[in-house]
Full PDB file with SEQRES, HELIX, SHEET, SSBOND, CRYST1, ORIGX, SCALE, CONECT and MASTER records, all heavy atoms in Angstrom:
SEQRES   1 A   33  GLY SER ILE ASN ALA THR ILE ALA ALA VAL THR GLY ILE          
SEQRES   2 A   33  TYR LYS TYR ASN PRO LYS ALA ILE ILE VAL GLN GLY VAL          
SEQRES   3 A   33  ALA GLY GLY HIS GLY GLU ASN                                  
HELIX    1 AA1 SER A    2  TYR A   16  1                                  15    
CRYST1    1.000    1.000    1.000  90.00  90.00  90.00 P 1           1          
ORIGX1      1.000000  0.000000  0.000000        0.00000                         
ORIGX2      0.000000  1.000000  0.000000        0.00000                         
ORIGX3      0.000000  0.000000  1.000000        0.00000                         
SCALE1      1.000000  0.000000  0.000000        0.00000                         
SCALE2      0.000000  1.000000  0.000000        0.00000                         
SCALE3      0.000000  0.000000  1.000000        0.00000                         
ATOM      1  N   GLY A   1     -10.488   1.229 -10.024  1.00  0.00           N  
ATOM      2  CA  GLY A   1     -11.752   0.559 -10.685  1.00  0.00           C  
ATOM      3  C   GLY A   1     -11.478  -0.767 -11.299  1.00  0.00           C  
ATOM      4  O   GLY A   1     -10.400  -1.024 -11.669  1.00  0.00           O  
ATOM      5  N   SER A   2     -12.544  -1.497 -11.382  1.00  0.00           N  
ATOM      6  CA  SER A   2     -12.442  -2.788 -11.798  1.00  0.00           C  
ATOM      7  C   SER A   2     -12.209  -3.019 -13.350  1.00  0.00           C  
ATOM      8  O   SER A   2     -11.473  -3.927 -13.689  1.00  0.00           O  
ATOM      9  CB  SER A   2     -13.869  -3.672 -11.569  1.00  0.00           C  
ATOM     10  OG  SER A   2     -14.859  -2.906 -12.302  1.00  0.00           O  
ATOM     11  N   ILE A   3     -12.470  -2.036 -14.101  1.00  0.00           N  
ATOM     12  CA  ILE A   3     -12.219  -2.162 -15.548  1.00  0.00           C  
ATOM     13  C   ILE A   3     -10.704  -1.966 -15.726  1.00  0.00           C  
ATOM     14  O   ILE A   3      -9.999  -2.587 -16.503  1.00  0.00           O  
ATOM     15  CB  ILE A   3     -13.062  -1.202 -16.464  1.00  0.00           C  
ATOM     16  CG1 ILE A   3     -14.547  -1.501 -16.455  1.00  0.00           C  
ATOM     17  CG2 ILE A   3     -12.520  -1.043 -17.886  1.00  0.00           C  
ATOM     18  CD1 ILE A   3     -15.492  -0.603 -17.127  1.00  0.00           C  
ATOM     19  N   ASN A   4     -10.117  -0.865 -15.128  1.00  0.00           N  
ATOM     20  CA  ASN A   4      -8.747  -0.558 -15.306  1.00  0.00           C  
ATOM     21  C   ASN A   4      -7.956  -1.797 -14.670  1.00  0.00           C  
ATOM     22  O   ASN A   4      -6.868  -2.114 -15.190  1.00  0.00           O  
ATOM     23  CB  ASN A   4      -8.399   0.677 -14.438  1.00  0.00           C  
ATOM     24  CG  ASN A   4      -8.850   1.928 -15.273  1.00  0.00           C  
ATOM     25  OD1 ASN A   4      -8.776   1.981 -16.543  1.00  0.00           O  
ATOM     26  ND2 ASN A   4      -9.213   2.958 -14.392  1.00  0.00           N  
ATOM     27  N   ALA A   5      -8.477  -2.407 -13.542  1.00  0.00           N  
ATOM     28  CA  ALA A   5      -7.719  -3.462 -12.950  1.00  0.00           C  
ATOM     29  C   ALA A   5      -7.682  -4.660 -13.837  1.00  0.00           C  
ATOM     30  O   ALA A   5      -6.764  -5.414 -13.955  1.00  0.00           O  
ATOM     31  CB  ALA A   5      -8.358  -3.803 -11.660  1.00  0.00           C  
ATOM     32  N   THR A   6      -8.803  -4.923 -14.601  1.00  0.00           N  
ATOM     33  CA  THR A   6      -8.883  -6.049 -15.388  1.00  0.00           C  
ATOM     34  C   THR A   6      -7.947  -5.903 -16.650  1.00  0.00           C  
ATOM     35  O   THR A   6      -7.193  -6.778 -17.024  1.00  0.00           O  
ATOM     36  CB  THR A   6     -10.262  -6.139 -16.093  1.00  0.00           C  
ATOM     37  OG1 THR A   6     -11.232  -6.439 -14.982  1.00  0.00           O  
ATOM     38  CG2 THR A   6     -10.365  -7.426 -17.026  1.00  0.00           C  
ATOM     39  N   ILE A   7      -7.896  -4.686 -17.300  1.00  0.00           N  
ATOM     40  CA  ILE A   7      -6.976  -4.347 -18.325  1.00  0.00           C  
ATOM     41  C   ILE A   7      -5.452  -4.574 -17.800  1.00  0.00           C  
ATOM     42  O   ILE A   7      -4.590  -5.282 -18.450  1.00  0.00           O  
ATOM     43  CB  ILE A   7      -7.111  -2.923 -18.722  1.00  0.00           C  
ATOM     44  CG1 ILE A   7      -8.450  -2.762 -19.441  1.00  0.00           C  
ATOM     45  CG2 ILE A   7      -5.965  -2.483 -19.720  1.00  0.00           C  
ATOM     46  CD1 ILE A   7      -8.821  -1.215 -19.725  1.00  0.00           C  
ATOM     47  N   ALA A   8      -5.157  -4.105 -16.637  1.00  0.00           N  
ATOM     48  CA  ALA A   8      -3.774  -4.263 -16.050  1.00  0.00           C  
ATOM     49  C   ALA A   8      -3.397  -5.668 -15.836  1.00  0.00           C  
ATOM     50  O   ALA A   8      -2.331  -6.107 -16.152  1.00  0.00           O  
ATOM     51  CB  ALA A   8      -3.763  -3.432 -14.723  1.00  0.00           C  
ATOM     52  N   ALA A   9      -4.387  -6.394 -15.304  1.00  0.00           N  
ATOM     53  CA  ALA A   9      -4.198  -7.907 -15.035  1.00  0.00           C  
ATOM     54  C   ALA A   9      -3.855  -8.645 -16.326  1.00  0.00           C  
ATOM     55  O   ALA A   9      -2.906  -9.380 -16.427  1.00  0.00           O  
ATOM     56  CB  ALA A   9      -5.294  -8.480 -14.236  1.00  0.00           C  
ATOM     57  N   VAL A  10      -4.790  -8.484 -17.229  1.00  0.00           N  
ATOM     58  CA  VAL A  10      -4.537  -9.197 -18.569  1.00  0.00           C  
ATOM     59  C   VAL A  10      -3.277  -8.767 -19.227  1.00  0.00           C  
ATOM     60  O   VAL A  10      -2.464  -9.657 -19.705  1.00  0.00           O  
ATOM     61  CB  VAL A  10      -5.721  -8.917 -19.457  1.00  0.00           C  
ATOM     62  CG1 VAL A  10      -5.498  -9.584 -20.884  1.00  0.00           C  
ATOM     63  CG2 VAL A  10      -7.066  -9.599 -18.920  1.00  0.00           C  
ATOM     64  N   THR A  11      -2.987  -7.513 -19.342  1.00  0.00           N  
ATOM     65  CA  THR A  11      -1.841  -6.988 -19.975  1.00  0.00           C  
ATOM     66  C   THR A  11      -0.558  -7.476 -19.237  1.00  0.00           C  
ATOM     67  O   THR A  11       0.430  -7.846 -19.901  1.00  0.00           O  
ATOM     68  CB  THR A  11      -1.819  -5.409 -20.051  1.00  0.00           C  
ATOM     69  OG1 THR A  11      -3.041  -5.013 -20.519  1.00  0.00           O  
ATOM     70  CG2 THR A  11      -0.607  -4.814 -20.736  1.00  0.00           C  
ATOM     71  N   GLY A  12      -0.606  -7.425 -17.920  1.00  0.00           N  
ATOM     72  CA  GLY A  12       0.591  -7.834 -17.172  1.00  0.00           C  
ATOM     73  C   GLY A  12       0.840  -9.286 -17.297  1.00  0.00           C  
ATOM     74  O   GLY A  12       2.073  -9.721 -17.488  1.00  0.00           O  
ATOM     75  N   ILE A  13      -0.180 -10.157 -17.280  1.00  0.00           N  
ATOM     76  CA  ILE A  13       0.025 -11.567 -17.502  1.00  0.00           C  
ATOM     77  C   ILE A  13       0.672 -11.850 -18.799  1.00  0.00           C  
ATOM     78  O   ILE A  13       1.457 -12.733 -18.912  1.00  0.00           O  
ATOM     79  CB  ILE A  13      -1.239 -12.361 -17.178  1.00  0.00           C  
ATOM     80  CG1 ILE A  13      -1.729 -12.173 -15.786  1.00  0.00           C  
ATOM     81  CG2 ILE A  13      -1.262 -13.782 -17.746  1.00  0.00           C  
ATOM     82  CD1 ILE A  13      -3.077 -12.726 -15.411  1.00  0.00           C  
ATOM     83  N   TYR A  14       0.125 -11.294 -19.897  1.00  0.00           N  
ATOM     84  CA  TYR A  14       0.654 -11.577 -21.248  1.00  0.00           C  
ATOM     85  C   TYR A  14       2.051 -11.137 -21.363  1.00  0.00           C  
ATOM     86  O   TYR A  14       2.811 -11.753 -22.106  1.00  0.00           O  
ATOM     87  CB  TYR A  14      -0.290 -10.950 -22.292  1.00  0.00           C  
ATOM     88  CG  TYR A  14      -1.374 -11.817 -22.628  1.00  0.00           C  
ATOM     89  CD1 TYR A  14      -2.663 -11.776 -22.234  1.00  0.00           C  
ATOM     90  CD2 TYR A  14      -1.168 -12.719 -23.693  1.00  0.00           C  
ATOM     91  CE1 TYR A  14      -3.705 -12.519 -22.551  1.00  0.00           C  
ATOM     92  CE2 TYR A  14      -2.201 -13.635 -24.155  1.00  0.00           C  
ATOM     93  CZ  TYR A  14      -3.471 -13.513 -23.528  1.00  0.00           C  
ATOM     94  OH  TYR A  14      -4.462 -14.381 -23.911  1.00  0.00           O  
ATOM     95  N   LYS A  15       2.500  -9.995 -20.741  1.00  0.00           N  
ATOM     96  CA  LYS A  15       3.826  -9.445 -20.926  1.00  0.00           C  
ATOM     97  C   LYS A  15       4.794 -10.104 -20.141  1.00  0.00           C  
ATOM     98  O   LYS A  15       5.861 -10.373 -20.573  1.00  0.00           O  
ATOM     99  CB  LYS A  15       3.776  -7.926 -20.529  1.00  0.00           C  
ATOM    100  CG  LYS A  15       3.119  -7.011 -21.595  1.00  0.00           C  
ATOM    101  CD  LYS A  15       3.307  -5.582 -21.143  1.00  0.00           C  
ATOM    102  CE  LYS A  15       4.705  -5.007 -21.036  1.00  0.00           C  
ATOM    103  NZ  LYS A  15       5.261  -4.830 -22.326  1.00  0.00           N  
ATOM    104  N   TYR A  16       4.394 -10.539 -18.894  1.00  0.00           N  
ATOM    105  CA  TYR A  16       5.419 -11.003 -17.930  1.00  0.00           C  
ATOM    106  C   TYR A  16       5.267 -12.467 -17.364  1.00  0.00           C  
ATOM    107  O   TYR A  16       6.168 -12.894 -16.728  1.00  0.00           O  
ATOM    108  CB  TYR A  16       5.437 -10.023 -16.825  1.00  0.00           C  
ATOM    109  CG  TYR A  16       5.684  -8.571 -17.147  1.00  0.00           C  
ATOM    110  CD1 TYR A  16       4.702  -7.657 -17.132  1.00  0.00           C  
ATOM    111  CD2 TYR A  16       6.988  -8.242 -17.698  1.00  0.00           C  
ATOM    112  CE1 TYR A  16       4.880  -6.393 -17.524  1.00  0.00           C  
ATOM    113  CE2 TYR A  16       7.180  -6.870 -18.052  1.00  0.00           C  
ATOM    114  CZ  TYR A  16       6.223  -5.983 -18.042  1.00  0.00           C  
ATOM    115  OH  TYR A  16       6.393  -4.698 -18.402  1.00  0.00           O  
ATOM    116  N   ASN A  17       4.116 -13.050 -17.639  1.00  0.00           N  
ATOM    117  CA  ASN A  17       3.929 -14.387 -17.123  1.00  0.00           C  
ATOM    118  C   ASN A  17       4.316 -14.565 -15.657  1.00  0.00           C  
ATOM    119  O   ASN A  17       5.211 -15.305 -15.340  1.00  0.00           O  
ATOM    120  CB  ASN A  17       4.709 -15.442 -18.041  1.00  0.00           C  
ATOM    121  CG  ASN A  17       4.357 -16.842 -17.686  1.00  0.00           C  
ATOM    122  OD1 ASN A  17       3.183 -17.111 -17.275  1.00  0.00           O  
ATOM    123  ND2 ASN A  17       5.234 -17.731 -17.937  1.00  0.00           N  
ATOM    124  N   PRO A  18       3.677 -13.822 -14.749  1.00  0.00           N  
ATOM    125  CA  PRO A  18       4.074 -13.784 -13.340  1.00  0.00           C  
ATOM    126  C   PRO A  18       3.812 -15.288 -12.632  1.00  0.00           C  
ATOM    127  O   PRO A  18       2.862 -15.937 -13.078  1.00  0.00           O  
ATOM    128  CB  PRO A  18       3.218 -12.757 -12.720  1.00  0.00           C  
ATOM    129  CG  PRO A  18       2.024 -12.703 -13.619  1.00  0.00           C  
ATOM    130  CD  PRO A  18       2.516 -12.944 -14.960  1.00  0.00           C  
ATOM    131  N   LYS A  19       4.640 -15.475 -11.723  1.00  0.00           N  
ATOM    132  CA  LYS A  19       4.421 -16.724 -10.876  1.00  0.00           C  
ATOM    133  C   LYS A  19       3.357 -16.517  -9.733  1.00  0.00           C  
ATOM    134  O   LYS A  19       2.928 -17.456  -9.224  1.00  0.00           O  
ATOM    135  CB  LYS A  19       5.824 -17.307 -10.238  1.00  0.00           C  
ATOM    136  CG  LYS A  19       6.407 -16.318  -9.360  1.00  0.00           C  
ATOM    137  CD  LYS A  19       7.913 -16.607  -9.050  1.00  0.00           C  
ATOM    138  CE  LYS A  19       8.052 -18.051  -8.729  1.00  0.00           C  
ATOM    139  NZ  LYS A  19       9.592 -18.332  -8.379  1.00  0.00           N  
ATOM    140  N   ALA A  20       3.230 -15.294  -9.447  1.00  0.00           N  
ATOM    141  CA  ALA A  20       2.197 -14.925  -8.324  1.00  0.00           C  
ATOM    142  C   ALA A  20       1.798 -13.485  -8.509  1.00  0.00           C  
ATOM    143  O   ALA A  20       2.626 -12.680  -9.081  1.00  0.00           O  
ATOM    144  CB  ALA A  20       2.772 -15.191  -7.023  1.00  0.00           C  
ATOM    145  N   ILE A  21       0.593 -13.105  -8.071  1.00  0.00           N  
ATOM    146  CA  ILE A  21       0.188 -11.757  -8.108  1.00  0.00           C  
ATOM    147  C   ILE A  21      -0.178 -11.202  -6.734  1.00  0.00           C  
ATOM    148  O   ILE A  21      -0.879 -11.962  -6.061  1.00  0.00           O  
ATOM    149  CB  ILE A  21      -0.980 -11.503  -9.082  1.00  0.00           C  
ATOM    150  CG1 ILE A  21      -0.529 -11.834 -10.545  1.00  0.00           C  
ATOM    151  CG2 ILE A  21      -1.543 -10.154  -8.966  1.00  0.00           C  
ATOM    152  CD1 ILE A  21      -1.740 -11.866 -11.486  1.00  0.00           C  
ATOM    153  N   ILE A  22       0.327 -10.156  -6.257  1.00  0.00           N  
ATOM    154  CA  ILE A  22      -0.043  -9.514  -4.980  1.00  0.00           C  
ATOM    155  C   ILE A  22      -0.824  -8.232  -5.357  1.00  0.00           C  
ATOM    156  O   ILE A  22      -0.326  -7.275  -5.926  1.00  0.00           O  
ATOM    157  CB  ILE A  22       1.212  -9.152  -4.164  1.00  0.00           C  
ATOM    158  CG1 ILE A  22       2.059 -10.345  -3.947  1.00  0.00           C  
ATOM    159  CG2 ILE A  22       0.835  -8.518  -2.959  1.00  0.00           C  
ATOM    160  CD1 ILE A  22       3.312 -10.140  -3.101  1.00  0.00           C  
ATOM    161  N   VAL A  23      -2.093  -8.282  -4.868  1.00  0.00           N  
ATOM    162  CA  VAL A  23      -2.939  -7.055  -4.957  1.00  0.00           C  
ATOM    163  C   VAL A  23      -2.787  -6.328  -3.766  1.00  0.00           C  
ATOM    164  O   VAL A  23      -2.973  -7.001  -2.644  1.00  0.00           O  
ATOM    165  CB  VAL A  23      -4.335  -7.443  -5.313  1.00  0.00           C  
ATOM    166  CG1 VAL A  23      -5.201  -6.148  -5.447  1.00  0.00           C  
ATOM    167  CG2 VAL A  23      -4.493  -8.225  -6.525  1.00  0.00           C  
ATOM    168  N   GLN A  24      -2.452  -5.048  -3.673  1.00  0.00           N  
ATOM    169  CA  GLN A  24      -2.308  -4.303  -2.451  1.00  0.00           C  
ATOM    170  C   GLN A  24      -2.606  -2.909  -2.532  1.00  0.00           C  
ATOM    171  O   GLN A  24      -2.582  -2.305  -3.660  1.00  0.00           O  
ATOM    172  CB  GLN A  24      -0.699  -4.535  -1.873  1.00  0.00           C  
ATOM    173  CG  GLN A  24       0.279  -3.881  -2.784  1.00  0.00           C  
ATOM    174  CD  GLN A  24       0.437  -2.418  -2.533  1.00  0.00           C  
ATOM    175  OE1 GLN A  24       0.420  -1.910  -1.459  1.00  0.00           O  
ATOM    176  NE2 GLN A  24       0.778  -1.660  -3.572  1.00  0.00           N  
ATOM    177  N   GLY A  25      -3.082  -2.270  -1.396  1.00  0.00           N  
ATOM    178  CA  GLY A  25      -3.506  -0.904  -1.389  1.00  0.00           C  
ATOM    179  C   GLY A  25      -4.332  -0.622  -0.150  1.00  0.00           C  
ATOM    180  O   GLY A  25      -4.189  -1.336   0.778  1.00  0.00           O  
ATOM    181  N   VAL A  26      -5.253   0.334  -0.336  1.00  0.00           N  
ATOM    182  CA  VAL A  26      -5.997   0.673   0.804  1.00  0.00           C  
ATOM    183  C   VAL A  26      -7.558   0.240   0.675  1.00  0.00           C  
ATOM    184  O   VAL A  26      -7.852  -0.156  -0.513  1.00  0.00           O  
ATOM    185  CB  VAL A  26      -6.005   2.205   1.133  1.00  0.00           C  
ATOM    186  CG1 VAL A  26      -4.629   2.616   1.447  1.00  0.00           C  
ATOM    187  CG2 VAL A  26      -6.525   2.972  -0.026  1.00  0.00           C  
ATOM    188  N   ALA A  27      -8.319   0.218   1.706  1.00  0.00           N  
ATOM    189  CA  ALA A  27      -9.646  -0.251   1.655  1.00  0.00           C  
ATOM    190  C   ALA A  27     -10.418   0.534   2.821  1.00  0.00           C  
ATOM    191  O   ALA A  27      -9.874   0.920   3.837  1.00  0.00           O  
ATOM    192  CB  ALA A  27      -9.835  -1.661   1.754  1.00  0.00           C  
ATOM    193  N   GLY A  28     -11.760   0.570   2.685  1.00  0.00           N  
ATOM    194  CA  GLY A  28     -12.602   1.134   3.758  1.00  0.00           C  
ATOM    195  C   GLY A  28     -13.124  -0.058   4.601  1.00  0.00           C  
ATOM    196  O   GLY A  28     -13.588  -1.017   4.141  1.00  0.00           O  
ATOM    197  N   GLY A  29     -13.021   0.104   5.907  1.00  0.00           N  
ATOM    198  CA  GLY A  29     -13.411  -0.858   6.833  1.00  0.00           C  
ATOM    199  C   GLY A  29     -14.918  -1.102   7.001  1.00  0.00           C  
ATOM    200  O   GLY A  29     -15.617  -0.148   6.879  1.00  0.00           O  
ATOM    201  N   HIS A  30     -15.261  -2.300   7.225  1.00  0.00           N  
ATOM    202  CA  HIS A  30     -16.780  -2.734   7.322  1.00  0.00           C  
ATOM    203  C   HIS A  30     -17.029  -3.187   8.776  1.00  0.00           C  
ATOM    204  O   HIS A  30     -18.209  -3.071   9.085  1.00  0.00           O  
ATOM    205  CB  HIS A  30     -17.066  -3.814   6.357  1.00  0.00           C  
ATOM    206  CG  HIS A  30     -17.376  -3.334   4.949  1.00  0.00           C  
ATOM    207  ND1 HIS A  30     -18.015  -4.097   4.052  1.00  0.00           N  
ATOM    208  CD2 HIS A  30     -17.274  -2.089   4.373  1.00  0.00           C  
ATOM    209  CE1 HIS A  30     -18.187  -3.431   2.886  1.00  0.00           C  
ATOM    210  NE2 HIS A  30     -17.736  -2.154   3.114  1.00  0.00           N  
ATOM    211  N   GLY A  31     -16.126  -3.444   9.516  1.00  0.00           N  
ATOM    212  CA  GLY A  31     -16.396  -4.030  10.841  1.00  0.00           C  
ATOM    213  C   GLY A  31     -16.252  -3.010  11.940  1.00  0.00           C  
ATOM    214  O   GLY A  31     -15.390  -2.083  11.790  1.00  0.00           O  
ATOM    215  N   GLU A  32     -16.921  -3.143  12.999  1.00  0.00           N  
ATOM    216  CA  GLU A  32     -16.768  -2.231  14.248  1.00  0.00           C  
ATOM    217  C   GLU A  32     -15.535  -2.436  14.976  1.00  0.00           C  
ATOM    218  O   GLU A  32     -15.139  -1.599  15.736  1.00  0.00           O  
ATOM    219  CB  GLU A  32     -17.944  -2.394  15.118  1.00  0.00           C  
ATOM    220  CG  GLU A  32     -19.323  -1.838  14.516  1.00  0.00           C  
ATOM    221  CD  GLU A  32     -20.488  -1.924  15.508  1.00  0.00           C  
ATOM    222  OE1 GLU A  32     -20.256  -2.383  16.686  1.00  0.00           O  
ATOM    223  OE2 GLU A  32     -21.543  -1.453  15.094  1.00  0.00           O  
ATOM    224  N   ASN A  33     -14.838  -3.588  14.656  1.00  0.00           N  
ATOM    225  CA  ASN A  33     -13.589  -3.863  15.383  1.00  0.00           C  
ATOM    226  C   ASN A  33     -12.364  -3.587  14.470  1.00  0.00           C  
ATOM    227  O   ASN A  33     -11.230  -3.949  14.758  1.00  0.00           O  
ATOM    228  CB  ASN A  33     -13.601  -5.233  15.905  1.00  0.00           C  
ATOM    229  CG  ASN A  33     -13.685  -6.262  14.735  1.00  0.00           C  
ATOM    230  OD1 ASN A  33     -14.362  -5.971  13.689  1.00  0.00           O  
ATOM    231  ND2 ASN A  33     -13.205  -7.450  14.972  1.00  0.00           N  
TER     232      ASN A  33                                                      
MASTER        0    0    0    1    0    0    0    6  231    1    0    3          
END                                                                             
């Protein structure tokens, strides 16, 4: 969920100062192809 994701992003940025962020996981398809 978006609230948990926001907490994780803010916390992670403050703790580790990342040079890039990769969001990865699964999703439900919207297109017929």
